[in-house]
Amino acid sequence: MVVADVTPSSNAATVTIEPPLIEALANDETVTYDDVPFTVYLESSVQQYSLGINDLYNYDFDVCEAF
């Protein structure tokens, strides 16, 4: 996620992204941010669900991104 305003300088700009990217970007490299595939794993065996408004289920679980 971009967490700060873009910092422009002569013919360039700096964008702050958190969490940081795994690999550095090259100058003028295109960044794809729609439909980015990723893998996660469960952080604990605790999983909860409940019946909410209009008979919709709420399902809660904790995951962490796997690299």
Protein backbone atom coordinates (compact mmCIF):
# COMPACT_ATOMS: atom_id res chain seq x y z
CA MET A 1 0.00 0.00 0.00
CA VAL A 2 1.27 3.48 -0.79
CA VAL A 3 1.63 5.16 2.59
CA ALA A 4 2.87 8.66 1.74
CA ASP A 5 2.53 11.36 -0.85
CA VAL A 6 4.76 11.02 -3.91
CA THR A 7 8.02 12.92 -3.55
CA PRO A 8 8.87 14.47 -6.93
CA SER A 9 12.36 15.46 -7.96
CA SER A 10 13.89 16.33 -11.33
CA ASN A 11 12.26 13.93 -13.85
CA ALA A 12 11.64 11.31 -11.14
CA ALA A 13 9.38 10.51 -8.21
CA THR A 14 9.70 8.47 -5.03
CA VAL A 15 6.77 6.39 -3.77
CA THR A 16 6.79 4.92 -0.25
CA ILE A 17 5.22 1.43 -0.11
CA GLU A 18 4.51 -0.58 3.06
CA PRO A 19 5.20 -3.38 3.61
CA PRO A 20 8.29 -2.94 1.46
CA LEU A 21 8.60 -4.76 -1.85
CA ILE A 22 10.56 -8.02 -1.86
CA GLU A 23 12.67 -6.88 -4.83
CA ALA A 24 13.72 -3.36 -5.81
CA LEU A 25 12.20 -1.84 -8.93
CA ALA A 26 14.34 -0.72 -11.87
CA ASN A 27 14.02 2.83 -13.15
CA ASP A 28 10.90 3.28 -15.31
CA GLU A 29 9.65 -0.23 -14.42
CA THR A 30 5.90 -0.84 -14.66
CA VAL A 31 4.15 -1.90 -11.45
CA THR A 32 1.05 -4.13 -11.63
CA TYR A 33 -1.27 -3.75 -8.67
CA ASP A 34 -4.58 -5.28 -9.81
CA ASP A 35 -5.32 -8.99 -9.31
CA VAL A 36 -1.93 -9.74 -7.79
CA PRO A 37 -1.66 -13.44 -6.88
CA PHE A 38 -0.33 -14.32 -3.42
CA THR A 39 -0.11 -17.29 -1.06
CA VAL A 40 -1.06 -17.27 2.62
CA TYR A 41 -1.05 -19.75 5.50
CA LEU A 42 -3.14 -19.96 8.67
CA GLU A 43 -1.42 -18.42 11.70
CA SER A 44 -3.45 -20.46 14.20
CA SER A 45 -6.05 -23.18 14.28
CA VAL A 46 -8.65 -20.73 15.64
CA GLN A 47 -11.39 -20.11 13.10
CA GLN A 48 -14.71 -18.51 13.99
CA TYR A 49 -17.97 -17.92 12.23
CA SER A 50 -21.29 -16.38 13.16
CA LEU A 51 -24.62 -15.66 11.55
CA GLY A 52 -25.00 -11.94 10.91
CA ILE A 53 -27.67 -9.62 9.55
CA ASN A 54 -29.88 -10.95 6.70
CA ASP A 55 -28.65 -14.52 7.27
CA LEU A 56 -25.13 -13.67 6.05
CA TYR A 57 -22.23 -15.50 7.67
CA ASN A 58 -19.19 -13.77 9.17
CA TYR A 59 -16.08 -15.94 8.97
CA ASP A 60 -12.88 -14.93 10.81
CA PHE A 61 -9.40 -16.42 10.59
CA ASP A 62 -5.82 -15.11 10.79
CA VAL A 63 -3.44 -15.60 7.90
CA CYS A 64 0.11 -14.50 7.04
CA GLU A 65 1.57 -14.03 3.56
CA ALA A 66 4.02 -16.77 2.56
CA PHE A 67 7.09 -15.80 0.51
